[in-house]
Amino acid sequence: MPHADISRNTRSNARRMRSAMTDAELKLWNELRAHRLMGFGFRRQVPIAGYIVDFACSTQRVIVEVDGSQHARADDTRYDLERTLRLEADGWTVLRFWNDDVLRDIDNVCEHIVRVIGKGAFE
């Protein structure tokens, strides 16, 4: 996969976001890191296509976003849709979970991620 140039500002923002993860992001990261989820490698707060995504498995082209309640506002919903369409146009599958789902039902969140990755990995 070719690497895109990433601005110094974007790199700095991604680094800052890695050190200020939400409780839900941290909980999911503890399940994804170090190939803990079925051996799939994820990175966190990754710059892709001009955005910083929460988690990405580049080998399977899957992005996982963990959204707080602010994403339910109309402006944010539109922005998220545009962002998702852009990432999907580049061949990524984007999965979105609410913070509450991650905090209350991490097992089902992880099972869903594995099902989606499994479909792509073995087709």
N, C-alpha and C. Protein backbone atom coordinates (compact mmCIF):
# COMPACT_ATOMS: atom_id res chain seq x y z
N MET A 1 0.86 -1.17 0.00
CA MET A 1 0.00 0.00 0.00
C MET A 1 0.90 1.23 0.00
N PRO A 2 0.67 2.17 -0.91
CA PRO A 2 1.51 3.36 -0.96
C PRO A 2 1.26 4.25 0.26
N HIS A 3 2.29 4.90 0.68
CA HIS A 3 2.18 5.79 1.82
C HIS A 3 1.94 7.22 1.35
N ALA A 4 1.01 7.88 1.97
CA ALA A 4 0.72 9.28 1.64
C ALA A 4 1.54 10.19 2.55
N ASP A 5 1.87 11.34 2.04
CA ASP A 5 2.54 12.32 2.88
C ASP A 5 1.58 12.78 3.95
N ILE A 6 2.06 12.85 5.17
CA ILE A 6 1.24 13.28 6.30
C ILE A 6 1.88 14.52 6.89
N SER A 7 1.08 15.55 7.05
CA SER A 7 1.61 16.81 7.55
C SER A 7 2.10 16.67 8.99
N ARG A 8 3.00 17.52 9.34
CA ARG A 8 3.54 17.54 10.71
C ARG A 8 2.41 17.79 11.71
N ASN A 9 1.47 18.65 11.34
CA ASN A 9 0.34 18.96 12.21
C ASN A 9 -0.54 17.72 12.44
N THR A 10 -0.81 16.98 11.37
CA THR A 10 -1.63 15.77 11.50
C THR A 10 -0.93 14.73 12.36
N ARG A 11 0.36 14.55 12.15
CA ARG A 11 1.13 13.61 12.99
C ARG A 11 1.07 14.02 14.45
N SER A 12 1.20 15.29 14.70
CA SER A 12 1.16 15.81 16.07
C SER A 12 -0.22 15.57 16.70
N ASN A 13 -1.27 15.83 15.92
CA ASN A 13 -2.62 15.59 16.42
C ASN A 13 -2.85 14.11 16.73
N ALA A 14 -2.39 13.23 15.86
CA ALA A 14 -2.54 11.79 16.09
C ALA A 14 -1.80 11.38 17.36
N ARG A 15 -0.60 11.88 17.54
CA ARG A 15 0.18 11.56 18.74
C ARG A 15 -0.53 12.05 20.00
N ARG A 16 -1.08 13.26 19.92
CA ARG A 16 -1.82 13.82 21.07
C ARG A 16 -3.06 12.97 21.36
N MET A 17 -3.75 12.54 20.33
CA MET A 17 -4.96 11.74 20.52
C MET A 17 -4.63 10.37 21.11
N ARG A 18 -3.47 9.81 20.78
CA ARG A 18 -3.08 8.52 21.36
C ARG A 18 -2.86 8.64 22.86
N SER A 19 -2.42 9.80 23.30
CA SER A 19 -2.17 9.97 24.74
C SER A 19 -3.39 10.47 25.50
N ALA A 20 -4.49 10.73 24.79
CA ALA A 20 -5.71 11.24 25.44
C ALA A 20 -6.93 10.45 25.00
N MET A 21 -6.81 9.13 25.03
CA MET A 21 -7.92 8.28 24.57
C MET A 21 -9.07 8.32 25.57
N THR A 22 -10.29 8.17 25.05
CA THR A 22 -11.45 8.09 25.93
C THR A 22 -11.46 6.73 26.63
N ASP A 23 -12.30 6.59 27.65
CA ASP A 23 -12.40 5.31 28.35
C ASP A 23 -12.81 4.20 27.38
N ALA A 24 -13.75 4.49 26.49
CA ALA A 24 -14.20 3.47 25.53
C ALA A 24 -13.09 3.10 24.55
N GLU A 25 -12.36 4.10 24.04
CA GLU A 25 -11.25 3.82 23.13
C GLU A 25 -10.18 2.97 23.82
N LEU A 26 -9.87 3.31 25.06
CA LEU A 26 -8.86 2.57 25.81
C LEU A 26 -9.31 1.12 26.04
N LYS A 27 -10.58 0.94 26.37
CA LYS A 27 -11.09 -0.41 26.59
C LYS A 27 -10.98 -1.24 25.31
N LEU A 28 -11.37 -0.67 24.18
CA LEU A 28 -11.27 -1.40 22.92
C LEU A 28 -9.81 -1.63 22.54
N TRP A 29 -8.97 -0.64 22.74
CA TRP A 29 -7.56 -0.78 22.41
C TRP A 29 -6.94 -1.95 23.18
N ASN A 30 -7.34 -2.13 24.43
CA ASN A 30 -6.80 -3.24 25.22
C ASN A 30 -7.20 -4.60 24.64
N GLU A 31 -8.28 -4.65 23.87
CA GLU A 31 -8.69 -5.88 23.19
C GLU A 31 -7.98 -6.05 21.84
N LEU A 32 -7.65 -4.93 21.19
CA LEU A 32 -7.09 -4.97 19.83
C LEU A 32 -5.57 -5.02 19.79
N ARG A 33 -4.92 -4.42 20.76
CA ARG A 33 -3.48 -4.24 20.70
C ARG A 33 -2.72 -5.56 20.73
N ALA A 34 -1.53 -5.52 20.23
CA ALA A 34 -0.61 -6.66 20.25
C ALA A 34 -1.23 -7.92 19.62
N HIS A 35 -2.04 -7.72 18.58
CA HIS A 35 -2.64 -8.85 17.84
C HIS A 35 -3.52 -9.73 18.72
N ARG A 36 -4.11 -9.14 19.76
CA ARG A 36 -4.93 -9.92 20.70
C ARG A 36 -6.25 -10.39 20.11
N LEU A 37 -6.75 -9.69 19.11
CA LEU A 37 -8.03 -10.06 18.52
C LEU A 37 -7.78 -10.96 17.31
N MET A 38 -7.80 -12.26 17.55
CA MET A 38 -7.65 -13.28 16.49
C MET A 38 -6.38 -13.08 15.65
N GLY A 39 -5.37 -12.46 16.22
CA GLY A 39 -4.10 -12.29 15.52
C GLY A 39 -4.05 -11.13 14.54
N PHE A 40 -5.13 -10.34 14.45
CA PHE A 40 -5.15 -9.20 13.54
C PHE A 40 -4.41 -8.02 14.15
N GLY A 41 -3.60 -7.36 13.36
CA GLY A 41 -2.82 -6.22 13.82
C GLY A 41 -3.57 -4.91 13.62
N PHE A 42 -3.78 -4.19 14.69
CA PHE A 42 -4.42 -2.88 14.64
C PHE A 42 -3.45 -1.81 15.10
N ARG A 43 -3.61 -0.62 14.56
CA ARG A 43 -2.91 0.57 15.03
C ARG A 43 -3.97 1.54 15.52
N ARG A 44 -3.60 2.43 16.40
CA ARG A 44 -4.56 3.40 16.94
C ARG A 44 -4.23 4.81 16.49
N GLN A 45 -5.29 5.62 16.35
CA GLN A 45 -5.16 7.03 15.96
C GLN A 45 -4.25 7.15 14.74
N VAL A 46 -4.70 6.59 13.65
CA VAL A 46 -3.92 6.49 12.42
C VAL A 46 -4.38 7.52 11.39
N PRO A 47 -3.47 8.32 10.85
CA PRO A 47 -3.85 9.22 9.76
C PRO A 47 -4.09 8.44 8.46
N ILE A 48 -5.30 8.58 7.91
CA ILE A 48 -5.65 7.94 6.64
C ILE A 48 -6.51 8.91 5.84
N ALA A 49 -6.12 9.18 4.63
CA ALA A 49 -6.89 10.00 3.69
C ALA A 49 -7.26 11.36 4.27
N GLY A 50 -6.36 11.94 5.03
CA GLY A 50 -6.62 13.26 5.59
C GLY A 50 -7.39 13.25 6.90
N TYR A 51 -7.74 12.09 7.39
CA TYR A 51 -8.47 11.95 8.66
C TYR A 51 -7.60 11.19 9.64
N ILE A 52 -7.94 11.29 10.92
CA ILE A 52 -7.29 10.45 11.92
C ILE A 52 -8.36 9.49 12.41
N VAL A 53 -8.19 8.21 12.08
CA VAL A 53 -9.18 7.20 12.47
C VAL A 53 -8.79 6.60 13.81
N ASP A 54 -9.78 6.11 14.54
CA ASP A 54 -9.51 5.57 15.88
C ASP A 54 -8.61 4.34 15.81
N PHE A 55 -9.02 3.34 15.02
CA PHE A 55 -8.25 2.09 14.92
C PHE A 55 -8.29 1.60 13.48
N ALA A 56 -7.18 1.04 13.02
CA ALA A 56 -7.13 0.53 11.65
C ALA A 56 -6.35 -0.77 11.60
N CYS A 57 -6.91 -1.72 10.86
CA CYS A 57 -6.23 -2.98 10.54
C CYS A 57 -5.92 -2.88 9.05
N SER A 58 -4.71 -2.50 8.71
CA SER A 58 -4.39 -2.22 7.32
C SER A 58 -4.37 -3.47 6.45
N THR A 59 -4.01 -4.61 7.01
CA THR A 59 -3.97 -5.83 6.19
C THR A 59 -5.36 -6.24 5.72
N GLN A 60 -6.38 -5.92 6.50
CA GLN A 60 -7.76 -6.27 6.15
C GLN A 60 -8.56 -5.06 5.69
N ARG A 61 -7.93 -3.88 5.70
CA ARG A 61 -8.58 -2.62 5.27
C ARG A 61 -9.85 -2.34 6.07
N VAL A 62 -9.75 -2.50 7.40
CA VAL A 62 -10.88 -2.25 8.30
C VAL A 62 -10.52 -1.13 9.26
N ILE A 63 -11.44 -0.19 9.38
CA ILE A 63 -11.32 0.92 10.32
C ILE A 63 -12.41 0.77 11.36
N VAL A 64 -12.06 0.97 12.63
CA VAL A 64 -13.04 0.92 13.71
C VAL A 64 -13.07 2.29 14.38
N GLU A 65 -14.25 2.87 14.41
CA GLU A 65 -14.46 4.17 15.05
C GLU A 65 -15.30 3.98 16.30
N VAL A 66 -14.94 4.68 17.36
CA VAL A 66 -15.70 4.66 18.61
C VAL A 66 -16.23 6.07 18.82
N ASP A 67 -17.56 6.19 18.79
CA ASP A 67 -18.21 7.50 18.78
C ASP A 67 -18.91 7.82 20.08
N GLY A 68 -18.73 9.05 20.53
CA GLY A 68 -19.46 9.57 21.68
C GLY A 68 -20.76 10.22 21.23
N SER A 69 -21.52 10.73 22.19
CA SER A 69 -22.84 11.27 21.90
C SER A 69 -22.81 12.47 20.96
N GLN A 70 -21.69 13.19 20.88
CA GLN A 70 -21.60 14.33 19.98
C GLN A 70 -21.78 13.91 18.53
N HIS A 71 -21.54 12.66 18.21
CA HIS A 71 -21.68 12.18 16.83
C HIS A 71 -23.15 12.01 16.42
N ALA A 72 -24.06 12.19 17.35
CA ALA A 72 -25.50 12.10 17.04
C ALA A 72 -26.05 13.43 16.54
N ARG A 73 -25.28 14.52 16.71
CA ARG A 73 -25.73 15.83 16.22
C ARG A 73 -25.72 15.84 14.69
N ALA A 74 -26.65 16.58 14.11
CA ALA A 74 -26.83 16.59 12.65
C ALA A 74 -25.55 16.92 11.90
N ASP A 75 -24.83 17.97 12.31
CA ASP A 75 -23.60 18.36 11.62
C ASP A 75 -22.56 17.26 11.69
N ASP A 76 -22.41 16.65 12.86
CA ASP A 76 -21.43 15.59 13.02
C ASP A 76 -21.83 14.34 12.26
N THR A 77 -23.12 14.06 12.20
CA THR A 77 -23.60 12.91 11.44
C THR A 77 -23.26 13.07 9.96
N ARG A 78 -23.48 14.26 9.43
CA ARG A 78 -23.13 14.52 8.02
C ARG A 78 -21.64 14.38 7.78
N TYR A 79 -20.84 14.95 8.68
CA TYR A 79 -19.38 14.87 8.55
C TYR A 79 -18.93 13.41 8.59
N ASP A 80 -19.49 12.63 9.54
CA ASP A 80 -19.12 11.22 9.66
C ASP A 80 -19.48 10.45 8.39
N LEU A 81 -20.63 10.77 7.79
CA LEU A 81 -21.04 10.10 6.56
C LEU A 81 -20.08 10.43 5.42
N GLU A 82 -19.74 11.70 5.27
CA GLU A 82 -18.79 12.11 4.23
C GLU A 82 -17.44 11.41 4.43
N ARG A 83 -17.00 11.38 5.65
CA ARG A 83 -15.73 10.76 6.00
C ARG A 83 -15.77 9.26 5.68
N THR A 84 -16.85 8.59 6.07
CA THR A 84 -16.99 7.17 5.81
C THR A 84 -17.01 6.89 4.31
N LEU A 85 -17.76 7.69 3.55
CA LEU A 85 -17.81 7.50 2.10
C LEU A 85 -16.44 7.67 1.47
N ARG A 86 -15.67 8.63 1.94
CA ARG A 86 -14.32 8.87 1.41
C ARG A 86 -13.42 7.68 1.70
N LEU A 87 -13.48 7.18 2.93
CA LEU A 87 -12.64 6.04 3.31
C LEU A 87 -13.05 4.77 2.56
N GLU A 88 -14.36 4.58 2.40
CA GLU A 88 -14.84 3.42 1.65
C GLU A 88 -14.44 3.50 0.18
N ALA A 89 -14.41 4.71 -0.37
CA ALA A 89 -13.97 4.88 -1.76
C ALA A 89 -12.52 4.45 -1.93
N ASP A 90 -11.75 4.53 -0.85
CA ASP A 90 -10.35 4.09 -0.88
C ASP A 90 -10.20 2.60 -0.55
N GLY A 91 -11.34 1.90 -0.39
CA GLY A 91 -11.28 0.46 -0.16
C GLY A 91 -11.32 0.02 1.28
N TRP A 92 -11.61 0.92 2.20
CA TRP A 92 -11.70 0.58 3.61
C TRP A 92 -13.14 0.21 3.98
N THR A 93 -13.30 -0.69 4.93
CA THR A 93 -14.59 -0.96 5.56
C THR A 93 -14.57 -0.22 6.89
N VAL A 94 -15.58 0.59 7.13
CA VAL A 94 -15.62 1.40 8.35
C VAL A 94 -16.71 0.86 9.27
N LEU A 95 -16.31 0.51 10.49
CA LEU A 95 -17.24 0.06 11.52
C LEU A 95 -17.34 1.13 12.58
N ARG A 96 -18.55 1.44 13.01
CA ARG A 96 -18.76 2.45 14.04
C ARG A 96 -19.49 1.84 15.23
N PHE A 97 -19.00 2.15 16.41
CA PHE A 97 -19.64 1.71 17.64
C PHE A 97 -19.79 2.90 18.57
N TRP A 98 -20.88 2.93 19.32
CA TRP A 98 -21.06 3.96 20.34
C TRP A 98 -20.19 3.64 21.54
N ASN A 99 -19.73 4.69 22.22
CA ASN A 99 -18.95 4.51 23.45
C ASN A 99 -19.64 3.54 24.40
N ASP A 100 -20.94 3.74 24.58
CA ASP A 100 -21.70 2.93 25.53
C ASP A 100 -21.66 1.45 25.16
N ASP A 101 -21.73 1.14 23.86
CA ASP A 101 -21.66 -0.27 23.43
C ASP A 101 -20.31 -0.88 23.80
N VAL A 102 -19.25 -0.13 23.60
CA VAL A 102 -17.91 -0.63 23.92
C VAL A 102 -17.78 -0.82 25.43
N LEU A 103 -18.25 0.14 26.20
CA LEU A 103 -18.10 0.07 27.65
C LEU A 103 -18.96 -1.02 28.27
N ARG A 104 -20.14 -1.26 27.72
CA ARG A 104 -21.07 -2.23 28.32
C ARG A 104 -21.03 -3.62 27.71
N ASP A 105 -20.58 -3.73 26.46
CA ASP A 105 -20.67 -5.02 25.77
C ASP A 105 -19.48 -5.25 24.84
N ILE A 106 -18.29 -5.18 25.40
CA ILE A 106 -17.07 -5.29 24.61
C ILE A 106 -16.98 -6.61 23.86
N ASP A 107 -17.51 -7.69 24.44
CA ASP A 107 -17.43 -8.99 23.79
C ASP A 107 -18.18 -9.00 22.46
N ASN A 108 -19.38 -8.44 22.42
CA ASN A 108 -20.13 -8.40 21.17
C ASN A 108 -19.51 -7.45 20.16
N VAL A 109 -18.92 -6.36 20.63
CA VAL A 109 -18.21 -5.45 19.73
C VAL A 109 -17.06 -6.20 19.06
N CYS A 110 -16.27 -6.92 19.85
CA CYS A 110 -15.14 -7.67 19.29
C CYS A 110 -15.61 -8.78 18.36
N GLU A 111 -16.69 -9.47 18.72
CA GLU A 111 -17.23 -10.51 17.85
C GLU A 111 -17.66 -9.94 16.50
N HIS A 112 -18.28 -8.78 16.53
CA HIS A 112 -18.70 -8.15 15.27
C HIS A 112 -17.49 -7.80 14.40
N ILE A 113 -16.46 -7.25 15.01
CA ILE A 113 -15.24 -6.90 14.27
C ILE A 113 -14.65 -8.16 13.63
N VAL A 114 -14.58 -9.25 14.39
CA VAL A 114 -14.02 -10.50 13.87
C VAL A 114 -14.88 -11.03 12.73
N ARG A 115 -16.20 -10.95 12.85
CA ARG A 115 -17.08 -11.43 11.76
C ARG A 115 -16.83 -10.64 10.49
N VAL A 116 -16.72 -9.32 10.62
CA VAL A 116 -16.50 -8.49 9.43
C VAL A 116 -15.13 -8.76 8.82
N ILE A 117 -14.11 -8.84 9.65
CA ILE A 117 -12.76 -9.11 9.14
C ILE A 117 -12.71 -10.50 8.54
N GLY A 118 -13.35 -11.46 9.18
CA GLY A 118 -13.34 -12.84 8.71
C GLY A 118 -13.92 -12.97 7.32
N LYS A 119 -14.97 -12.22 7.03
CA LYS A 119 -15.58 -12.25 5.70
C LYS A 119 -14.57 -11.79 4.65
N GLY A 120 -13.86 -10.72 4.94
CA GLY A 120 -12.89 -10.19 3.99
C GLY A 120 -11.62 -11.03 3.90
N ALA A 121 -11.23 -11.60 5.03
CA ALA A 121 -9.95 -12.33 5.09
C ALA A 121 -10.02 -13.66 4.37
N PHE A 122 -11.20 -14.25 4.30
CA PHE A 122 -11.29 -15.60 3.79
C PHE A 122 -12.10 -15.71 2.51
N GLU A 123 -12.41 -14.59 1.88
CA GLU A 123 -13.17 -14.63 0.61
C GLU A 123 -12.23 -14.86 -0.56
